[in-house]
């Protein structure tokens, strides 16, 4: 079983990442993750079926619209939508998913996790990629510590999956 650090490092070593749930009308966690990944030179793709542009970039209405596919998806949607995003990942053979969870429930849902497990998708069920993107800002360092103390960080166990070929 991978540790959380190992799983987070492997997920973040991918370069083509989609962030599902970004918003064109308000700034939220998805936009923050998207912006930080862009700053760190990831080839990052904004996904929202109701937006054409986010953060000055093209926004894709679905994962299927992204040319060349992606290596992983950060799901930062309402929990009722997360399972359908994961189902799209399965249909597109996207091997990695990070289901965001912050102070509240975040995007995490039992259905999204079960969909990952059925499809053989490696997943991180909780936490935030910004807790592991170096250099980690003070807020996310603190959140990682608090979540660790309170048992709210994923353990990395869902990140075991057969090696999958790159999607592009």
C-alpha atoms as a PDB file:
ATOM      1  CA  UNK A   1       0.000   0.000   0.000  1.00  0.00           C
ATOM      2  CA  UNK A   2       1.259   3.473  -0.859  1.00  0.00           C
ATOM      3  CA  UNK A   3       1.530   6.135   1.783  1.00  0.00           C
ATOM      4  CA  UNK A   4      -0.287   9.407   1.288  1.00  0.00           C
ATOM      5  CA  UNK A   5       2.991  11.158   0.498  1.00  0.00           C
ATOM      6  CA  UNK A   6       3.907   8.512  -2.110  1.00  0.00           C
ATOM      7  CA  UNK A   7       0.458   8.691  -3.728  1.00  0.00           C
ATOM      8  CA  UNK A   8       0.425  12.514  -3.729  1.00  0.00           C
ATOM      9  CA  UNK A   9       3.936  12.637  -5.188  1.00  0.00           C
ATOM     10  CA  UNK A  10       3.008  10.179  -7.944  1.00  0.00           C
ATOM     11  CA  UNK A  11      -0.201  12.038  -8.789  1.00  0.00           C
ATOM     12  CA  UNK A  12       1.588  15.390  -8.879  1.00  0.00           C
ATOM     13  CA  UNK A  13       4.433  13.987 -11.007  1.00  0.00           C
ATOM     14  CA  UNK A  14       1.961  13.867 -13.897  1.00  0.00           C
ATOM     15  CA  UNK A  15       2.048  16.920 -16.140  1.00  0.00           C
ATOM     16  CA  UNK A  16      -1.380  16.878 -17.880  1.00  0.00           C
ATOM     17  CA  UNK A  17      -4.004  17.412 -15.202  1.00  0.00           C
ATOM     18  CA  UNK A  18      -7.645  18.488 -15.495  1.00  0.00           C
ATOM     19  CA  UNK A  19      -9.371  20.377 -12.699  1.00  0.00           C
ATOM     20  CA  UNK A  20     -13.115  19.676 -12.769  1.00  0.00           C
ATOM     21  CA  UNK A  21     -15.286  22.240 -11.034  1.00  0.00           C
ATOM     22  CA  UNK A  22     -13.561  25.534 -11.797  1.00  0.00           C
ATOM     23  CA  UNK A  23     -15.845  28.561 -11.926  1.00  0.00           C
ATOM     24  CA  UNK A  24     -16.102  31.511 -14.274  1.00  0.00           C
ATOM     25  CA  UNK A  25     -18.241  33.481 -11.823  1.00  0.00           C
ATOM     26  CA  UNK A  26     -16.565  33.101  -8.426  1.00  0.00           C
ATOM     27  CA  UNK A  27     -13.207  32.068  -7.046  1.00  0.00           C
ATOM     28  CA  UNK A  28     -13.227  28.840  -5.093  1.00  0.00           C
ATOM     29  CA  UNK A  29     -10.933  25.917  -4.237  1.00  0.00           C
ATOM     30  CA  UNK A  30     -10.992  24.583  -7.801  1.00  0.00           C
ATOM     31  CA  UNK A  31      -9.844  27.920  -9.188  1.00  0.00           C
ATOM     32  CA  UNK A  32      -7.070  28.106  -6.591  1.00  0.00           C
ATOM     33  CA  UNK A  33      -5.826  24.621  -7.502  1.00  0.00           C
ATOM     34  CA  UNK A  34      -6.074  25.401 -11.214  1.00  0.00           C
ATOM     35  CA  UNK A  35      -4.157  28.676 -10.805  1.00  0.00           C
ATOM     36  CA  UNK A  36      -1.424  27.078  -8.661  1.00  0.00           C
ATOM     37  CA  UNK A  37      -0.930  24.221 -11.118  1.00  0.00           C
ATOM     38  CA  UNK A  38      -0.654  26.718 -13.955  1.00  0.00           C
ATOM     39  CA  UNK A  39       1.950  28.713 -11.958  1.00  0.00           C
ATOM     40  CA  UNK A  40       3.945  25.510 -11.454  1.00  0.00           C
ATOM     41  CA  UNK A  41       3.928  24.903 -15.234  1.00  0.00           C
ATOM     42  CA  UNK A  42       1.561  21.950 -15.306  1.00  0.00           C
ATOM     43  CA  UNK A  43      -0.344  21.514 -18.533  1.00  0.00           C
ATOM     44  CA  UNK A  44      -3.613  22.074 -16.700  1.00  0.00           C
ATOM     45  CA  UNK A  45      -7.125  22.070 -18.132  1.00  0.00           C
ATOM     46  CA  UNK A  46     -10.165  23.805 -16.647  1.00  0.00           C
ATOM     47  CA  UNK A  47     -13.395  21.760 -16.856  1.00  0.00           C
ATOM     48  CA  UNK A  48     -16.916  23.060 -16.253  1.00  0.00           C
ATOM     49  CA  UNK A  49     -19.925  22.303 -18.477  1.00  0.00           C
ATOM     50  CA  UNK A  50     -21.266  25.824 -17.886  1.00  0.00           C
ATOM     51  CA  UNK A  51     -18.193  27.928 -18.645  1.00  0.00           C
ATOM     52  CA  UNK A  52     -16.325  28.801 -21.817  1.00  0.00           C
ATOM     53  CA  UNK A  53     -13.452  30.609 -20.147  1.00  0.00           C
ATOM     54  CA  UNK A  54     -11.884  30.489 -16.662  1.00  0.00           C
ATOM     55  CA  UNK A  55      -8.936  32.470 -15.326  1.00  0.00           C
ATOM     56  CA  UNK A  56      -8.450  33.848 -18.845  1.00  0.00           C
ATOM     57  CA  UNK A  57      -8.060  30.346 -20.337  1.00  0.00           C
ATOM     58  CA  UNK A  58     -10.319  28.121 -22.374  1.00  0.00           C
ATOM     59  CA  UNK A  59     -12.621  26.018 -20.230  1.00  0.00           C
ATOM     60  CA  UNK A  60     -13.630  22.596 -21.512  1.00  0.00           C
ATOM     61  CA  UNK A  61     -17.234  21.524 -21.066  1.00  0.00           C
ATOM     62  CA  UNK A  62     -16.210  17.899 -20.495  1.00  0.00           C
ATOM     63  CA  UNK A  63     -13.120  15.777 -20.012  1.00  0.00           C
ATOM     64  CA  UNK A  64     -13.744  14.210 -23.421  1.00  0.00           C
ATOM     65  CA  UNK A  65     -13.189  17.594 -25.116  1.00  0.00           C
ATOM     66  CA  UNK A  66      -9.579  17.880 -23.933  1.00  0.00           C
ATOM     67  CA  UNK A  67      -7.307  17.162 -26.905  1.00  0.00           C
ATOM     68  CA  UNK A  68      -4.881  14.331 -26.170  1.00  0.00           C
ATOM     69  CA  UNK A  69      -6.528  13.425 -22.855  1.00  0.00           C
ATOM     70  CA  UNK A  70      -5.035  13.850 -19.406  1.00  0.00           C
ATOM     71  CA  UNK A  71      -3.051  11.806 -16.905  1.00  0.00           C
ATOM     72  CA  UNK A  72      -5.224  12.708 -13.927  1.00  0.00           C
ATOM     73  CA  UNK A  73      -8.193  14.725 -12.726  1.00  0.00           C
ATOM     74  CA  UNK A  74      -8.668  16.780  -9.579  1.00  0.00           C
ATOM     75  CA  UNK A  75     -12.386  16.654  -8.760  1.00  0.00           C
ATOM     76  CA  UNK A  76     -13.542  19.847  -7.026  1.00  0.00           C
ATOM     77  CA  UNK A  77     -17.282  19.676  -7.690  1.00  0.00           C
ATOM     78  CA  UNK A  78     -20.340  19.264  -5.534  1.00  0.00           C
ATOM     79  CA  UNK A  79     -20.304  15.692  -4.125  1.00  0.00           C
ATOM     80  CA  UNK A  80     -23.456  14.810  -6.103  1.00  0.00           C
ATOM     81  CA  UNK A  81     -21.533  15.517  -9.325  1.00  0.00           C
ATOM     82  CA  UNK A  82     -18.251  13.841  -8.346  1.00  0.00           C
ATOM     83  CA  UNK A  83     -19.360  10.297  -9.242  1.00  0.00           C
ATOM     84  CA  UNK A  84     -20.325  11.336 -12.766  1.00  0.00           C
ATOM     85  CA  UNK A  85     -16.930  13.022 -13.221  1.00  0.00           C
ATOM     86  CA  UNK A  86     -15.261   9.809 -12.054  1.00  0.00           C
ATOM     87  CA  UNK A  87     -17.478   7.786 -14.427  1.00  0.00           C
ATOM     88  CA  UNK A  88     -16.240  10.021 -17.260  1.00  0.00           C
ATOM     89  CA  UNK A  89     -12.669   9.297 -16.130  1.00  0.00           C
ATOM     90  CA  UNK A  90     -13.392   5.568 -16.324  1.00  0.00           C
ATOM     91  CA  UNK A  91     -14.900   5.871 -19.818  1.00  0.00           C
ATOM     92  CA  UNK A  92     -11.849   7.839 -20.985  1.00  0.00           C
ATOM     93  CA  UNK A  93      -9.344   5.497 -19.263  1.00  0.00           C
ATOM     94  CA  UNK A  94      -7.967   8.280 -17.070  1.00  0.00           C
ATOM     95  CA  UNK A  95      -6.027   6.324 -14.432  1.00  0.00           C
ATOM     96  CA  UNK A  96      -5.780   8.871 -11.568  1.00  0.00           C
ATOM     97  CA  UNK A  97      -8.286  10.942  -9.607  1.00  0.00           C
ATOM     98  CA  UNK A  98      -7.909  13.227  -6.609  1.00  0.00           C
ATOM     99  CA  UNK A  99     -11.278  13.878  -4.946  1.00  0.00           C
ATOM    100  CA  UNK A 100     -10.839  17.172  -3.107  1.00  0.00           C
ATOM    101  CA  UNK A 101     -11.935  17.590   0.472  1.00  0.00           C
ATOM    102  CA  UNK A 102     -11.232  20.612   2.585  1.00  0.00           C
ATOM    103  CA  UNK A 103     -12.837  21.951   5.739  1.00  0.00           C
ATOM    104  CA  UNK A 104     -16.350  20.856   4.765  1.00  0.00           C
ATOM    105  CA  UNK A 105     -17.329  17.716   2.931  1.00  0.00           C
ATOM    106  CA  UNK A 106     -15.708  18.900  -0.280  1.00  0.00           C
ATOM    107  CA  UNK A 107     -16.311  16.714  -3.303  1.00  0.00           C
ATOM    108  CA  UNK A 108     -15.987  13.417  -1.493  1.00  0.00           C
ATOM    109  CA  UNK A 109     -18.827  10.940  -1.894  1.00  0.00           C
ATOM    110  CA  UNK A 110     -19.077   7.208  -1.301  1.00  0.00           C
ATOM    111  CA  UNK A 111     -20.425   6.822  -4.840  1.00  0.00           C
ATOM    112  CA  UNK A 112     -17.378   8.560  -6.379  1.00  0.00           C
ATOM    113  CA  UNK A 113     -15.010   6.326  -4.391  1.00  0.00           C
ATOM    114  CA  UNK A 114     -16.975   3.201  -5.358  1.00  0.00           C
ATOM    115  CA  UNK A 115     -16.848   4.249  -9.015  1.00  0.00           C
ATOM    116  CA  UNK A 116     -13.047   4.596  -8.770  1.00  0.00           C
ATOM    117  CA  UNK A 117     -12.774   1.158  -7.182  1.00  0.00           C
ATOM    118  CA  UNK A 118     -15.012  -0.525  -9.773  1.00  0.00           C
ATOM    119  CA  UNK A 119     -13.077   1.079 -12.633  1.00  0.00           C
ATOM    120  CA  UNK A 120      -9.611   0.395 -11.204  1.00  0.00           C
ATOM    121  CA  UNK A 121      -8.830   4.106 -11.012  1.00  0.00           C
ATOM    122  CA  UNK A 122      -6.149   5.104  -8.516  1.00  0.00           C
ATOM    123  CA  UNK A 123      -7.676   7.709  -6.234  1.00  0.00           C
ATOM    124  CA  UNK A 124      -6.949   9.989  -3.330  1.00  0.00           C
ATOM    125  CA  UNK A 125     -10.153  10.455  -1.371  1.00  0.00           C
ATOM    126  CA  UNK A 126      -9.696  13.732   0.446  1.00  0.00           C
ATOM    127  CA  UNK A 127      -7.213  16.442   1.179  1.00  0.00           C
ATOM    128  CA  UNK A 128      -6.028  18.958  -1.377  1.00  0.00           C
ATOM    129  CA  UNK A 129      -3.203  18.769  -3.919  1.00  0.00           C
ATOM    130  CA  UNK A 130      -2.037  22.187  -2.714  1.00  0.00           C
ATOM    131  CA  UNK A 131      -1.032  20.504   0.570  1.00  0.00           C
ATOM    132  CA  UNK A 132       1.713  18.753  -1.433  1.00  0.00           C
ATOM    133  CA  UNK A 133       2.638  21.089  -4.325  1.00  0.00           C
ATOM    134  CA  UNK A 134       6.088  22.441  -3.504  1.00  0.00           C
ATOM    135  CA  UNK A 135       6.653  24.967  -2.240  1.00  0.00           C
ATOM    136  CA  UNK A 136       3.613  24.488  -0.002  1.00  0.00           C
ATOM    137  CA  UNK A 137       2.164  27.749   1.296  1.00  0.00           C
ATOM    138  CA  UNK A 138       1.701  28.286   5.032  1.00  0.00           C
ATOM    139  CA  UNK A 139      -2.079  27.850   4.967  1.00  0.00           C
ATOM    140  CA  UNK A 140      -1.890  24.442   3.265  1.00  0.00           C
ATOM    141  CA  UNK A 141       0.980  23.293   5.517  1.00  0.00           C
ATOM    142  CA  UNK A 142      -1.200  24.123   8.494  1.00  0.00           C
ATOM    143  CA  UNK A 143      -4.249  22.417   6.982  1.00  0.00           C
ATOM    144  CA  UNK A 144      -2.210  19.279   6.226  1.00  0.00           C
ATOM    145  CA  UNK A 145      -1.066  19.171   9.864  1.00  0.00           C
ATOM    146  CA  UNK A 146      -4.572  19.749  11.259  1.00  0.00           C
ATOM    147  CA  UNK A 147      -6.127  17.199   8.905  1.00  0.00           C
ATOM    148  CA  UNK A 148      -3.396  14.720   9.843  1.00  0.00           C
ATOM    149  CA  UNK A 149      -4.065  15.182  13.561  1.00  0.00           C
ATOM    150  CA  UNK A 150      -7.816  14.817  13.101  1.00  0.00           C
ATOM    151  CA  UNK A 151      -7.643  11.820  10.733  1.00  0.00           C
ATOM    152  CA  UNK A 152      -9.137  13.678   7.773  1.00  0.00           C
ATOM    153  CA  UNK A 153      -6.306  12.998   5.319  1.00  0.00           C
ATOM    154  CA  UNK A 154      -6.599  10.050   2.945  1.00  0.00           C
ATOM    155  CA  UNK A 155      -4.185   7.211   3.676  1.00  0.00           C
ATOM    156  CA  UNK A 156      -3.142   6.517   0.074  1.00  0.00           C
ATOM    157  CA  UNK A 157      -4.701   3.041   0.080  1.00  0.00           C
ATOM    158  CA  UNK A 158      -7.013   3.841  -2.843  1.00  0.00           C
ATOM    159  CA  UNK A 159      -4.078   4.813  -4.984  1.00  0.00           C
ATOM    160  CA  UNK A 160      -3.065   1.249  -5.758  1.00  0.00           C
ATOM    161  CA  UNK A 161      -3.808   0.412  -9.366  1.00  0.00           C
ATOM    162  CA  UNK A 162      -2.241  -1.503 -12.223  1.00  0.00           C
ATOM    163  CA  UNK A 163       0.258   0.543 -14.194  1.00  0.00           C
ATOM    164  CA  UNK A 164      -1.684   2.236 -16.954  1.00  0.00           C
ATOM    165  CA  UNK A 165      -0.255   3.642 -20.164  1.00  0.00           C
ATOM    166  CA  UNK A 166      -0.231   7.406 -20.582  1.00  0.00           C
ATOM    167  CA  UNK A 167      -3.405   8.778 -22.128  1.00  0.00           C
ATOM    168  CA  UNK A 168      -1.623  10.928 -24.694  1.00  0.00           C
END
